[in-house]
Amino acid sequence: MPHYHATWEDNLPSIIRHGLGGAAPGSRNFDCEGGVYLATDPSLAVSFLIEAAVRQGASSGMTPADAMASMRLIVIDDTRLDWRLASPDPNIEREGIAIIYHGVVDVTGMPVLEMDEVLAGVPRL
């Protein structure tokens, strides 16, 4: 089953070079336990990043459209995870939908999607 990690476009060069979790992030979206946060559903992963964008608001200097345009979703092949390094995300009440991974995830060859690709097929009102 794939897992998903949403991030900002600016973080991609470091993630590709060092792996996901391989280098300290330039900034953190939330004050919480360190590790790589992965979700079993792409909409959940993206919702965390949207929440971070809303919390940052005008201080980020990005319009909502700019924020959406700079969001990326990495699709993680879970065979690349060492499950001994994974634990349930304590910030999520429902079990089995999000984990914290305390290792480095090799993202070589993994799809990185833009929000237009993620939202394709989702009806727009």
PDB file of N, CA and C in Angstrom:
ATOM      1  N   MET A   1       0.851  -1.174   0.000  1.00  0.00           N
ATOM      2  CA  MET A   1       0.000   0.000   0.000  1.00  0.00           C
ATOM      3  C   MET A   1       0.896   1.237   0.000  1.00  0.00           C
ATOM      4  N   PRO A   2       0.655   2.163  -0.888  1.00  0.00           N
ATOM      5  CA  PRO A   2       1.482   3.381  -0.904  1.00  0.00           C
ATOM      6  C   PRO A   2       1.172   4.264   0.297  1.00  0.00           C
ATOM      7  N   HIS A   3       2.137   5.080   0.634  1.00  0.00           N
ATOM      8  CA  HIS A   3       1.978   6.116   1.641  1.00  0.00           C
ATOM      9  C   HIS A   3       2.294   7.440   0.959  1.00  0.00           C
ATOM     10  N   TYR A   4       1.897   8.531   1.591  1.00  0.00           N
ATOM     11  CA  TYR A   4       2.006   9.839   0.964  1.00  0.00           C
ATOM     12  C   TYR A   4       2.607  10.850   1.936  1.00  0.00           C
ATOM     13  N   HIS A   5       3.425  11.734   1.376  1.00  0.00           N
ATOM     14  CA  HIS A   5       4.006  12.821   2.154  1.00  0.00           C
ATOM     15  C   HIS A   5       3.867  14.103   1.340  1.00  0.00           C
ATOM     16  N   ALA A   6       3.216  15.092   1.914  1.00  0.00           N
ATOM     17  CA  ALA A   6       3.066  16.388   1.244  1.00  0.00           C
ATOM     18  C   ALA A   6       4.156  17.319   1.739  1.00  0.00           C
ATOM     19  N   THR A   7       4.702  18.092   0.823  1.00  0.00           N
ATOM     20  CA  THR A   7       5.789  19.013   1.161  1.00  0.00           C
ATOM     21  C   THR A   7       5.741  20.220   0.238  1.00  0.00           C
ATOM     22  N   TRP A   8       6.574  21.187   0.552  1.00  0.00           N
ATOM     23  CA  TRP A   8       6.693  22.370  -0.293  1.00  0.00           C
ATOM     24  C   TRP A   8       7.706  22.109  -1.396  1.00  0.00           C
ATOM     25  N   GLU A   9       7.470  22.677  -2.543  1.00  0.00           N
ATOM     26  CA  GLU A   9       8.350  22.521  -3.697  1.00  0.00           C
ATOM     27  C   GLU A   9       9.799  22.873  -3.359  1.00  0.00           C
ATOM     28  N   ASP A  10       9.997  23.893  -2.535  1.00  0.00           N
ATOM     29  CA  ASP A  10      11.347  24.318  -2.152  1.00  0.00           C
ATOM     30  C   ASP A  10      12.127  23.217  -1.427  1.00  0.00           C
ATOM     31  N   ASN A  11      11.435  22.277  -0.805  1.00  0.00           N
ATOM     32  CA  ASN A  11      12.101  21.195  -0.073  1.00  0.00           C
ATOM     33  C   ASN A  11      12.561  20.049  -0.973  1.00  0.00           C
ATOM     34  N   LEU A  12      12.054  19.989  -2.193  1.00  0.00           N
ATOM     35  CA  LEU A  12      12.337  18.840  -3.061  1.00  0.00           C
ATOM     36  C   LEU A  12      13.819  18.616  -3.372  1.00  0.00           C
ATOM     37  N   PRO A  13      14.607  19.645  -3.678  1.00  0.00           N
ATOM     38  CA  PRO A  13      16.020  19.368  -3.963  1.00  0.00           C
ATOM     39  C   PRO A  13      16.727  18.639  -2.814  1.00  0.00           C
ATOM     40  N   SER A  14      16.472  19.055  -1.580  1.00  0.00           N
ATOM     41  CA  SER A  14      17.087  18.400  -0.429  1.00  0.00           C
ATOM     42  C   SER A  14      16.549  16.977  -0.257  1.00  0.00           C
ATOM     43  N   ILE A  15      15.243  16.806  -0.432  1.00  0.00           N
ATOM     44  CA  ILE A  15      14.637  15.477  -0.289  1.00  0.00           C
ATOM     45  C   ILE A  15      15.196  14.524  -1.337  1.00  0.00           C
ATOM     46  N   ILE A  16      15.338  14.990  -2.557  1.00  0.00           N
ATOM     47  CA  ILE A  16      15.875  14.135  -3.627  1.00  0.00           C
ATOM     48  C   ILE A  16      17.341  13.807  -3.352  1.00  0.00           C
ATOM     49  N   ARG A  17      18.087  14.765  -2.865  1.00  0.00           N
ATOM     50  CA  ARG A  17      19.519  14.566  -2.607  1.00  0.00           C
ATOM     51  C   ARG A  17      19.770  13.684  -1.383  1.00  0.00           C
ATOM     52  N   HIS A  18      19.038  13.918  -0.291  1.00  0.00           N
ATOM     53  CA  HIS A  18      19.326  13.257   0.986  1.00  0.00           C
ATOM     54  C   HIS A  18      18.310  12.190   1.376  1.00  0.00           C
ATOM     55  N   GLY A  19      17.190  12.115   0.660  1.00  0.00           N
ATOM     56  CA  GLY A  19      16.098  11.232   1.055  1.00  0.00           C
ATOM     57  C   GLY A  19      15.145  11.976   1.974  1.00  0.00           C
ATOM     58  N   LEU A  20      13.958  11.453   2.086  1.00  0.00           N
ATOM     59  CA  LEU A  20      12.948  12.063   2.952  1.00  0.00           C
ATOM     60  C   LEU A  20      13.313  11.746   4.394  1.00  0.00           C
ATOM     61  N   GLY A  21      13.641  12.785   5.152  1.00  0.00           N
ATOM     62  CA  GLY A  21      14.095  12.612   6.526  1.00  0.00           C
ATOM     63  C   GLY A  21      15.607  12.561   6.648  1.00  0.00           C
ATOM     64  N   GLY A  22      16.313  12.696   5.527  1.00  0.00           N
ATOM     65  CA  GLY A  22      17.763  12.591   5.531  1.00  0.00           C
ATOM     66  C   GLY A  22      18.492  13.863   5.891  1.00  0.00           C
ATOM     67  N   ALA A  23      17.826  14.975   5.849  1.00  0.00           N
ATOM     68  CA  ALA A  23      18.435  16.261   6.222  1.00  0.00           C
ATOM     69  C   ALA A  23      17.398  17.041   7.023  1.00  0.00           C
ATOM     70  N   ALA A  24      17.873  17.840   7.943  1.00  0.00           N
ATOM     71  CA  ALA A  24      16.954  18.648   8.752  1.00  0.00           C
ATOM     72  C   ALA A  24      16.212  19.626   7.847  1.00  0.00           C
ATOM     73  N   PRO A  25      14.899  19.738   8.015  1.00  0.00           N
ATOM     74  CA  PRO A  25      14.143  20.676   7.172  1.00  0.00           C
ATOM     75  C   PRO A  25      14.535  22.116   7.464  1.00  0.00           C
ATOM     76  N   GLY A  26      14.453  22.953   6.450  1.00  0.00           N
ATOM     77  CA  GLY A  26      14.747  24.368   6.621  1.00  0.00           C
ATOM     78  C   GLY A  26      13.762  25.017   7.571  1.00  0.00           C
ATOM     79  N   SER A  27      12.543  24.532   7.563  1.00  0.00           N
ATOM     80  CA  SER A  27      11.521  25.025   8.481  1.00  0.00           C
ATOM     81  C   SER A  27      10.549  23.881   8.739  1.00  0.00           C
ATOM     82  N   ARG A  28       9.830  23.999   9.817  1.00  0.00           N
ATOM     83  CA  ARG A  28       8.842  22.973  10.177  1.00  0.00           C
ATOM     84  C   ARG A  28       7.458  23.590  10.111  1.00  0.00           C
ATOM     85  N   ASN A  29       6.494  22.815   9.665  1.00  0.00           N
ATOM     86  CA  ASN A  29       5.123  23.312   9.566  1.00  0.00           C
ATOM     87  C   ASN A  29       4.422  23.337  10.918  1.00  0.00           C
ATOM     88  N   PHE A  30       4.793  22.408  11.806  1.00  0.00           N
ATOM     89  CA  PHE A  30       4.147  22.296  13.115  1.00  0.00           C
ATOM     90  C   PHE A  30       5.198  22.008  14.178  1.00  0.00           C
ATOM     91  N   ASP A  31       4.907  22.387  15.397  1.00  0.00           N
ATOM     92  CA  ASP A  31       5.777  22.078  16.519  1.00  0.00           C
ATOM     93  C   ASP A  31       5.342  20.717  17.065  1.00  0.00           C
ATOM     94  N   CYS A  32       5.978  19.667  16.566  1.00  0.00           N
ATOM     95  CA  CYS A  32       5.614  18.316  16.981  1.00  0.00           C
ATOM     96  C   CYS A  32       6.846  17.413  16.887  1.00  0.00           C
ATOM     97  N   GLU A  33       6.656  16.170  17.261  1.00  0.00           N
ATOM     98  CA  GLU A  33       7.740  15.187  17.269  1.00  0.00           C
ATOM     99  C   GLU A  33       8.442  15.128  15.907  1.00  0.00           C
ATOM    100  N   GLY A  34       9.770  15.020  15.941  1.00  0.00           N
ATOM    101  CA  GLY A  34      10.527  14.909  14.704  1.00  0.00           C
ATOM    102  C   GLY A  34      10.310  13.570  14.036  1.00  0.00           C
ATOM    103  N   GLY A  35      10.496  13.535  12.751  1.00  0.00           N
ATOM    104  CA  GLY A  35      10.320  12.326  11.967  1.00  0.00           C
ATOM    105  C   GLY A  35       9.633  12.661  10.659  1.00  0.00           C
ATOM    106  N   VAL A  36       9.448  11.646   9.850  1.00  0.00           N
ATOM    107  CA  VAL A  36       8.776  11.807   8.556  1.00  0.00           C
ATOM    108  C   VAL A  36       7.320  11.387   8.742  1.00  0.00           C
ATOM    109  N   TYR A  37       6.418  12.291   8.495  1.00  0.00           N
ATOM    110  CA  TYR A  37       4.997  12.009   8.645  1.00  0.00           C
ATOM    111  C   TYR A  37       4.448  11.494   7.314  1.00  0.00           C
ATOM    112  N   LEU A  38       3.868  10.308   7.361  1.00  0.00           N
ATOM    113  CA  LEU A  38       3.322   9.663   6.166  1.00  0.00           C
ATOM    114  C   LEU A  38       1.858   9.317   6.406  1.00  0.00           C
ATOM    115  N   ALA A  39       1.045   9.464   5.380  1.00  0.00           N
ATOM    116  CA  ALA A  39      -0.380   9.157   5.460  1.00  0.00           C
ATOM    117  C   ALA A  39      -0.719   8.047   4.467  1.00  0.00           C
ATOM    118  N   THR A  40      -1.766   7.312   4.773  1.00  0.00           N
ATOM    119  CA  THR A  40      -2.208   6.246   3.867  1.00  0.00           C
ATOM    120  C   THR A  40      -3.144   6.770   2.795  1.00  0.00           C
ATOM    121  N   ASP A  41      -3.553   8.028   2.907  1.00  0.00           N
ATOM    122  CA  ASP A  41      -4.460   8.633   1.937  1.00  0.00           C
ATOM    123  C   ASP A  41      -3.869   9.956   1.474  1.00  0.00           C
ATOM    124  N   PRO A  42      -3.823  10.207   0.178  1.00  0.00           N
ATOM    125  CA  PRO A  42      -3.222  11.457  -0.302  1.00  0.00           C
ATOM    126  C   PRO A  42      -3.939  12.700   0.210  1.00  0.00           C
ATOM    127  N   SER A  43      -5.261  12.627   0.353  1.00  0.00           N
ATOM    128  CA  SER A  43      -5.992  13.813   0.819  1.00  0.00           C
ATOM    129  C   SER A  43      -5.620  14.173   2.253  1.00  0.00           C
ATOM    130  N   LEU A  44      -5.305  13.184   3.073  1.00  0.00           N
ATOM    131  CA  LEU A  44      -4.886  13.461   4.441  1.00  0.00           C
ATOM    132  C   LEU A  44      -3.524  14.153   4.447  1.00  0.00           C
ATOM    133  N   ALA A  45      -2.591  13.643   3.659  1.00  0.00           N
ATOM    134  CA  ALA A  45      -1.263  14.259   3.584  1.00  0.00           C
ATOM    135  C   ALA A  45      -1.371  15.713   3.120  1.00  0.00           C
ATOM    136  N   VAL A  46      -2.158  15.951   2.099  1.00  0.00           N
ATOM    137  CA  VAL A  46      -2.318  17.309   1.568  1.00  0.00           C
ATOM    138  C   VAL A  46      -3.022  18.200   2.589  1.00  0.00           C
ATOM    139  N   SER A  47      -3.983  17.651   3.329  1.00  0.00           N
ATOM    140  CA  SER A  47      -4.717  18.467   4.301  1.00  0.00           C
ATOM    141  C   SER A  47      -3.791  19.016   5.382  1.00  0.00           C
ATOM    142  N   PHE A  48      -2.760  18.254   5.769  1.00  0.00           N
ATOM    143  CA  PHE A  48      -1.805  18.762   6.755  1.00  0.00           C
ATOM    144  C   PHE A  48      -1.070  19.989   6.205  1.00  0.00           C
ATOM    145  N   LEU A  49      -0.692  19.919   4.938  1.00  0.00           N
ATOM    146  CA  LEU A  49       0.035  21.039   4.345  1.00  0.00           C
ATOM    147  C   LEU A  49      -0.880  22.254   4.154  1.00  0.00           C
ATOM    148  N   ILE A  50      -2.134  21.996   3.814  1.00  0.00           N
ATOM    149  CA  ILE A  50      -3.098  23.093   3.702  1.00  0.00           C
ATOM    150  C   ILE A  50      -3.288  23.752   5.065  1.00  0.00           C
ATOM    151  N   GLU A  51      -3.388  22.940   6.118  1.00  0.00           N
ATOM    152  CA  GLU A  51      -3.515  23.492   7.468  1.00  0.00           C
ATOM    153  C   GLU A  51      -2.311  24.366   7.809  1.00  0.00           C
ATOM    154  N   ALA A  52      -1.124  23.916   7.460  1.00  0.00           N
ATOM    155  CA  ALA A  52       0.084  24.702   7.718  1.00  0.00           C
ATOM    156  C   ALA A  52       0.034  26.020   6.957  1.00  0.00           C
ATOM    157  N   ALA A  53      -0.423  25.998   5.720  1.00  0.00           N
ATOM    158  CA  ALA A  53      -0.511  27.218   4.915  1.00  0.00           C
ATOM    159  C   ALA A  53      -1.512  28.190   5.526  1.00  0.00           C
ATOM    160  N   VAL A  54      -2.622  27.662   6.012  1.00  0.00           N
ATOM    161  CA  VAL A  54      -3.647  28.521   6.638  1.00  0.00           C
ATOM    162  C   VAL A  54      -3.090  29.133   7.921  1.00  0.00           C
ATOM    163  N   ARG A  55      -2.386  28.336   8.722  1.00  0.00           N
ATOM    164  CA  ARG A  55      -1.810  28.857   9.973  1.00  0.00           C
ATOM    165  C   ARG A  55      -0.767  29.941   9.705  1.00  0.00           C
ATOM    166  N   GLN A  56       0.019  29.752   8.643  1.00  0.00           N
ATOM    167  CA  GLN A  56       1.044  30.749   8.317  1.00  0.00           C
ATOM    168  C   GLN A  56       0.419  32.003   7.742  1.00  0.00           C
ATOM    169  N   GLY A  57      -0.675  31.814   7.003  1.00  0.00           N
ATOM    170  CA  GLY A  57      -1.435  32.931   6.469  1.00  0.00           C
ATOM    171  C   GLY A  57      -0.597  33.953   5.746  1.00  0.00           C
ATOM    172  N   ALA A  58      -0.895  35.198   6.005  1.00  0.00           N
ATOM    173  CA  ALA A  58      -0.244  36.310   5.312  1.00  0.00           C
ATOM    174  C   ALA A  58       1.244  36.393   5.627  1.00  0.00           C
ATOM    175  N   SER A  59       1.666  35.845   6.773  1.00  0.00           N
ATOM    176  CA  SER A  59       3.083  35.935   7.127  1.00  0.00           C
ATOM    177  C   SER A  59       3.969  35.152   6.164  1.00  0.00           C
ATOM    178  N   SER A  60       3.385  34.205   5.431  1.00  0.00           N
ATOM    179  CA  SER A  60       4.171  33.430   4.473  1.00  0.00           C
ATOM    180  C   SER A  60       4.448  34.227   3.204  1.00  0.00           C
ATOM    181  N   GLY A  61       3.665  35.268   2.967  1.00  0.00           N
ATOM    182  CA  GLY A  61       3.831  36.073   1.763  1.00  0.00           C
ATOM    183  C   GLY A  61       3.236  35.424   0.526  1.00  0.00           C
ATOM    184  N   MET A  62       2.543  34.306   0.701  1.00  0.00           N
ATOM    185  CA  MET A  62       1.943  33.602  -0.438  1.00  0.00           C
ATOM    186  C   MET A  62       0.435  33.779  -0.441  1.00  0.00           C
ATOM    187  N   THR A  63      -0.109  33.959  -1.610  1.00  0.00           N
ATOM    188  CA  THR A  63      -1.556  33.929  -1.750  1.00  0.00           C
ATOM    189  C   THR A  63      -1.993  32.462  -1.660  1.00  0.00           C
ATOM    190  N   PRO A  64      -3.261  32.194  -1.414  1.00  0.00           N
ATOM    191  CA  PRO A  64      -3.703  30.796  -1.407  1.00  0.00           C
ATOM    192  C   PRO A  64      -3.377  30.071  -2.719  1.00  0.00           C
ATOM    193  N   ALA A  65      -3.505  30.753  -3.839  1.00  0.00           N
ATOM    194  CA  ALA A  65      -3.184  30.127  -5.126  1.00  0.00           C
ATOM    195  C   ALA A  65      -1.695  29.805  -5.223  1.00  0.00           C
ATOM    196  N   ASP A  66      -0.848  30.730  -4.731  1.00  0.00           N
ATOM    197  CA  ASP A  66       0.598  30.476  -4.732  1.00  0.00           C
ATOM    198  C   ASP A  66       0.946  29.294  -3.837  1.00  0.00           C
ATOM    199  N   ALA A  67       0.301  29.217  -2.682  1.00  0.00           N
ATOM    200  CA  ALA A  67       0.560  28.117  -1.753  1.00  0.00           C
ATOM    201  C   ALA A  67       0.199  26.781  -2.405  1.00  0.00           C
ATOM    202  N   MET A  68      -0.958  26.705  -3.017  1.00  0.00           N
ATOM    203  CA  MET A  68      -1.369  25.458  -3.679  1.00  0.00           C
ATOM    204  C   MET A  68      -0.410  25.096  -4.808  1.00  0.00           C
ATOM    205  N   ALA A  69       0.053  26.095  -5.531  1.00  0.00           N
ATOM    206  CA  ALA A  69       0.960  25.834  -6.649  1.00  0.00           C
ATOM    207  C   ALA A  69       2.323  25.331  -6.186  1.00  0.00           C
ATOM    208  N   SER A  70       2.692  25.629  -4.939  1.00  0.00           N
ATOM    209  CA  SER A  70       4.008  25.193  -4.461  1.00  0.00           C
ATOM    210  C   SER A  70       3.946  23.915  -3.623  1.00  0.00           C
ATOM    211  N   MET A  71       2.767  23.325  -3.474  1.00  0.00           N
ATOM    212  CA  MET A  71       2.626  22.067  -2.741  1.00  0.00           C
ATOM    213  C   MET A  71       2.928  20.885  -3.655  1.00  0.00           C
ATOM    214  N   ARG A  72       3.582  19.887  -3.095  1.00  0.00           N
ATOM    215  CA  ARG A  72       3.890  18.654  -3.824  1.00  0.00           C
ATOM    216  C   ARG A  72       3.521  17.456  -2.963  1.00  0.00           C
ATOM    217  N   LEU A  73       3.169  16.368  -3.611  1.00  0.00           N
ATOM    218  CA  LEU A  73       2.823  15.126  -2.926  1.00  0.00           C
ATOM    219  C   LEU A  73       3.756  14.033  -3.422  1.00  0.00           C
ATOM    220  N   ILE A  74       4.495  13.445  -2.491  1.00  0.00           N
ATOM    221  CA  ILE A  74       5.408  12.348  -2.831  1.00  0.00           C
ATOM    222  C   ILE A  74       4.692  11.047  -2.537  1.00  0.00           C
ATOM    223  N   VAL A  75       4.653  10.169  -3.525  1.00  0.00           N
ATOM    224  CA  VAL A  75       4.052   8.848  -3.372  1.00  0.00           C
ATOM    225  C   VAL A  75       5.165   7.897  -2.969  1.00  0.00           C
ATOM    226  N   ILE A  76       5.018   7.288  -1.797  1.00  0.00           N
ATOM    227  CA  ILE A  76       6.050   6.436  -1.221  1.00  0.00           C
ATOM    228  C   ILE A  76       5.675   4.965  -1.392  1.00  0.00           C
ATOM    229  N   ASP A  77       6.562   4.215  -2.010  1.00  0.00           N
ATOM    230  CA  ASP A  77       6.409   2.761  -2.101  1.00  0.00           C
ATOM    231  C   ASP A  77       6.754   2.207  -0.724  1.00  0.00           C
ATOM    232  N   ASP A  78       5.779   1.618  -0.036  1.00  0.00           N
ATOM    233  CA  ASP A  78       6.019   1.215   1.347  1.00  0.00           C
ATOM    234  C   ASP A  78       6.999   0.047   1.492  1.00  0.00           C
ATOM    235  N   THR A  79       7.414  -0.552   0.386  1.00  0.00           N
ATOM    236  CA  THR A  79       8.460  -1.577   0.493  1.00  0.00           C
ATOM    237  C   THR A  79       9.808  -0.944   0.812  1.00  0.00           C
ATOM    238  N   ARG A  80       9.891   0.378   0.701  1.00  0.00           N
ATOM    239  CA  ARG A  80      11.129   1.092   1.040  1.00  0.00           C
ATOM    240  C   ARG A  80      11.193   1.464   2.525  1.00  0.00           C
ATOM    241  N   LEU A  81      10.168   1.118   3.265  1.00  0.00           N
ATOM    242  CA  LEU A  81      10.128   1.463   4.691  1.00  0.00           C
ATOM    243  C   LEU A  81      10.568   0.274   5.535  1.00  0.00           C
ATOM    244  N   ASP A  82      11.330   0.556   6.572  1.00  0.00           N
ATOM    245  CA  ASP A  82      11.674  -0.433   7.585  1.00  0.00           C
ATOM    246  C   ASP A  82      10.649  -0.242   8.698  1.00  0.00           C
ATOM    247  N   TRP A  83       9.691  -1.134   8.793  1.00  0.00           N
ATOM    248  CA  TRP A  83       8.553  -0.943   9.687  1.00  0.00           C
ATOM    249  C   TRP A  83       8.941  -0.918  11.157  1.00  0.00           C
ATOM    250  N   ARG A  84      10.148  -1.330  11.480  1.00  0.00           N
ATOM    251  CA  ARG A  84      10.621  -1.226  12.868  1.00  0.00           C
ATOM    252  C   ARG A  84      10.846   0.234  13.248  1.00  0.00           C
ATOM    253  N   LEU A  85      10.962   1.109  12.243  1.00  0.00           N
ATOM    254  CA  LEU A  85      11.203   2.530  12.479  1.00  0.00           C
ATOM    255  C   LEU A  85       9.925   3.368  12.417  1.00  0.00           C
ATOM    256  N   ALA A  86       8.786   2.710  12.320  1.00  0.00           N
ATOM    257  CA  ALA A  86       7.502   3.400  12.176  1.00  0.00           C
ATOM    258  C   ALA A  86       6.674   3.264  13.452  1.00  0.00           C
ATOM    259  N   SER A  87       5.938   4.318  13.744  1.00  0.00           N
ATOM    260  CA  SER A  87       5.002   4.278  14.867  1.00  0.00           C
ATOM    261  C   SER A  87       3.771   5.090  14.478  1.00  0.00           C
ATOM    262  N   PRO A  88       2.632   4.811  15.132  1.00  0.00           N
ATOM    263  CA  PRO A  88       1.428   5.580  14.814  1.00  0.00           C
ATOM    264  C   PRO A  88       1.637   7.063  15.109  1.00  0.00           C
ATOM    265  N   ASP A  89       1.054   7.897  14.286  1.00  0.00           N
ATOM    266  CA  ASP A  89       1.111   9.341  14.499  1.00  0.00           C
ATOM    267  C   ASP A  89       0.261   9.665  15.729  1.00  0.00           C
ATOM    268  N   PRO A  90       0.878  10.157  16.820  1.00  0.00           N
ATOM    269  CA  PRO A  90       0.111  10.427  18.039  1.00  0.00           C
ATOM    270  C   PRO A  90      -0.825  11.631  17.922  1.00  0.00           C
ATOM    271  N   ASN A  91      -0.700  12.385  16.840  1.00  0.00           N
ATOM    272  CA  ASN A  91      -1.552  13.556  16.639  1.00  0.00           C
ATOM    273  C   ASN A  91      -2.875  13.201  15.981  1.00  0.00           C
ATOM    274  N   ILE A  92      -3.013  11.956  15.542  1.00  0.00           N
ATOM    275  CA  ILE A  92      -4.206  11.509  14.831  1.00  0.00           C
ATOM    276  C   ILE A  92      -4.929  10.478  15.692  1.00  0.00           C
ATOM    277  N   GLU A  93      -6.199  10.718  15.972  1.00  0.00           N
ATOM    278  CA  GLU A  93      -6.954   9.807  16.835  1.00  0.00           C
ATOM    279  C   GLU A  93      -7.273   8.485  16.152  1.00  0.00           C
ATOM    280  N   ARG A  94      -7.550   8.519  14.870  1.00  0.00           N
ATOM    281  CA  ARG A  94      -7.911   7.298  14.153  1.00  0.00           C
ATOM    282  C   ARG A  94      -6.644   6.517  13.807  1.00  0.00           C
ATOM    283  N   GLU A  95      -6.605   5.265  14.189  1.00  0.00           N
ATOM    284  CA  GLU A  95      -5.417   4.440  13.960  1.00  0.00           C
ATOM    285  C   GLU A  95      -5.332   3.956  12.519  1.00  0.00           C
ATOM    286  N   GLY A  96      -4.095   3.770  12.071  1.00  0.00           N
ATOM    287  CA  GLY A  96      -3.859   3.155  10.778  1.00  0.00           C
ATOM    288  C   GLY A  96      -3.877   4.077   9.584  1.00  0.00           C
ATOM    289  N   ILE A  97      -4.023   5.389   9.812  1.00  0.00           N
ATOM    290  CA  ILE A  97      -4.082   6.290   8.657  1.00  0.00           C
ATOM    291  C   ILE A  97      -2.866   7.196   8.530  1.00  0.00           C
ATOM    292  N   ALA A  98      -2.034   7.247   9.582  1.00  0.00           N
ATOM    293  CA  ALA A  98      -0.843   8.096   9.524  1.00  0.00           C
ATOM    294  C   ALA A  98       0.220   7.537  10.463  1.00  0.00           C
ATOM    295  N   ILE A  99       1.471   7.647  10.035  1.00  0.00           N
ATOM    296  CA  ILE A  99       2.586   7.175  10.839  1.00  0.00           C
ATOM    297  C   ILE A  99       3.680   8.229  10.897  1.00  0.00           C
ATOM    298  N   ILE A 100       4.543   8.073  11.891  1.00  0.00           N
ATOM    299  CA  ILE A 100       5.795   8.826  11.934  1.00  0.00           C
ATOM    300  C   ILE A 100       6.884   7.805  11.647  1.00  0.00           C
ATOM    301  N   TYR A 101       7.726   8.137  10.691  1.00  0.00           N
ATOM    302  CA  TYR A 101       8.823   7.245  10.312  1.00  0.00           C
ATOM    303  C   TYR A 101      10.118   7.865  10.812  1.00  0.00           C
ATOM    304  N   HIS A 102      10.853   7.111  11.620  1.00  0.00           N
ATOM    305  CA  HIS A 102      12.093   7.603  12.213  1.00  0.00           C
ATOM    306  C   HIS A 102      13.296   7.042  11.460  1.00  0.00           C
ATOM    307  N   GLY A 103      13.286   7.255  10.171  1.00  0.00           N
ATOM    308  CA  GLY A 103      14.374   6.817   9.310  1.00  0.00           C
ATOM    309  C   GLY A 103      14.419   7.705   8.091  1.00  0.00           C
ATOM    310  N   VAL A 104      15.192   7.288   7.113  1.00  0.00           N
ATOM    311  CA  VAL A 104      15.312   8.024   5.858  1.00  0.00           C
ATOM    312  C   VAL A 104      14.649   7.200   4.764  1.00  0.00           C
ATOM    313  N   VAL A 105      13.810   7.840   3.984  1.00  0.00           N
ATOM    314  CA  VAL A 105      13.110   7.174   2.890  1.00  0.00           C
ATOM    315  C   VAL A 105      13.770   7.571   1.576  1.00  0.00           C
ATOM    316  N   ASP A 106      14.274   6.584   0.858  1.00  0.00           N
ATOM    317  CA  ASP A 106      14.839   6.809  -0.467  1.00  0.00           C
ATOM    318  C   ASP A 106      13.686   7.072  -1.426  1.00  0.00           C
ATOM    319  N   VAL A 107      13.639   8.260  -2.003  1.00  0.00           N
ATOM    320  CA  VAL A 107      12.539   8.625  -2.897  1.00  0.00           C
ATOM    321  C   VAL A 107      12.924   8.530  -4.371  1.00  0.00           C
ATOM    322  N   THR A 108      14.084   7.962  -4.644  1.00  0.00           N
ATOM    323  CA  THR A 108      14.530   7.827  -6.025  1.00  0.00           C
ATOM    324  C   THR A 108      13.472   7.097  -6.847  1.00  0.00           C
ATOM    325  N   GLY A 109      13.033   7.737  -7.914  1.00  0.00           N
ATOM    326  CA  GLY A 109      12.054   7.134  -8.812  1.00  0.00           C
ATOM    327  C   GLY A 109      10.617   7.192  -8.322  1.00  0.00           C
ATOM    328  N   MET A 110      10.390   7.749  -7.141  1.00  0.00           N
ATOM    329  CA  MET A 110       9.027   7.846  -6.626  1.00  0.00           C
ATOM    330  C   MET A 110       8.321   9.031  -7.285  1.00  0.00           C
ATOM    331  N   PRO A 111       7.024   8.878  -7.590  1.00  0.00           N
ATOM    332  CA  PRO A 111       6.288   9.986  -8.199  1.00  0.00           C
ATOM    333  C   PRO A 111       6.182  11.181  -7.250  1.00  0.00           C
ATOM    334  N   VAL A 112       6.341  12.365  -7.811  1.00  0.00           N
ATOM    335  CA  VAL A 112       6.127  13.620  -7.095  1.00  0.00           C
ATOM    336  C   VAL A 112       5.054  14.362  -7.880  1.00  0.00           C
ATOM    337  N   LEU A 113       3.915  14.548  -7.255  1.00  0.00           N
ATOM    338  CA  LEU A 113       2.764  15.113  -7.940  1.00  0.00           C
ATOM    339  C   LEU A 113       2.527  16.571  -7.558  1.00  0.00           C
ATOM    340  N   GLU A 114       2.099  17.348  -8.538  1.00  0.00           N
ATOM    341  CA  GLU A 114       1.648  18.709  -8.281  1.00  0.00           C
ATOM    342  C   GLU A 114       0.174  18.637  -7.902  1.00  0.00           C
ATOM    343  N   MET A 115      -0.340  19.686  -7.288  1.00  0.00           N
ATOM    344  CA  MET A 115      -1.718  19.663  -6.808  1.00  0.00           C
ATOM    345  C   MET A 115      -2.726  19.473  -7.931  1.00  0.00           C
ATOM    346  N   ASP A 116      -2.447  19.979  -9.127  1.00  0.00           N
ATOM    347  CA  ASP A 116      -3.370  19.756 -10.251  1.00  0.00           C
ATOM    348  C   ASP A 116      -3.519  18.262 -10.527  1.00  0.00           C
ATOM    349  N   GLU A 117      -2.418  17.514 -10.402  1.00  0.00           N
ATOM    350  CA  GLU A 117      -2.464  16.078 -10.614  1.00  0.00           C
ATOM    351  C   GLU A 117      -3.187  15.368  -9.478  1.00  0.00           C
ATOM    352  N   VAL A 118      -2.974  15.842  -8.258  1.00  0.00           N
ATOM    353  CA  VAL A 118      -3.631  15.240  -7.096  1.00  0.00           C
ATOM    354  C   VAL A 118      -5.134  15.461  -7.175  1.00  0.00           C
ATOM    355  N   LEU A 119      -5.517  16.667  -7.585  1.00  0.00           N
ATOM    356  CA  LEU A 119      -6.938  17.022  -7.605  1.00  0.00           C
ATOM    357  C   LEU A 119      -7.651  16.580  -8.884  1.00  0.00           C
ATOM    358  N   ALA A 120      -6.912  16.039  -9.851  1.00  0.00           N
ATOM    359  CA  ALA A 120      -7.551  15.571 -11.085  1.00  0.00           C
ATOM    360  C   ALA A 120      -8.595  14.524 -10.729  1.00  0.00           C
ATOM    361  N   GLY A 121      -9.736  14.667 -11.281  1.00  0.00           N
ATOM    362  CA  GLY A 121     -10.811  13.711 -10.992  1.00  0.00           C
ATOM    363  C   GLY A 121     -11.666  14.125  -9.822  1.00  0.00           C
ATOM    364  N   VAL A 122     -11.246  15.136  -9.065  1.00  0.00           N
ATOM    365  CA  VAL A 122     -12.063  15.641  -7.971  1.00  0.00           C
ATOM    366  C   VAL A 122     -12.965  16.730  -8.551  1.00  0.00           C
ATOM    367  N   PRO A 123     -14.279  16.553  -8.443  1.00  0.00           N
ATOM    368  CA  PRO A 123     -15.178  17.553  -9.013  1.00  0.00           C
ATOM    369  C   PRO A 123     -14.945  18.934  -8.411  1.00  0.00           C
ATOM    370  N   ARG A 124     -14.871  19.926  -9.272  1.00  0.00           N
ATOM    371  CA  ARG A 124     -14.724  21.304  -8.801  1.00  0.00           C
ATOM    372  C   ARG A 124     -16.084  21.973  -8.849  1.00  0.00           C
ATOM    373  N   LEU A 125     -16.400  22.694  -7.789  1.00  0.00           N
ATOM    374  CA  LEU A 125     -17.697  23.370  -7.716  1.00  0.00           C
ATOM    375  C   LEU A 125     -17.612  24.759  -8.297  1.00  0.00           C
TER     376      LEU A 125
END
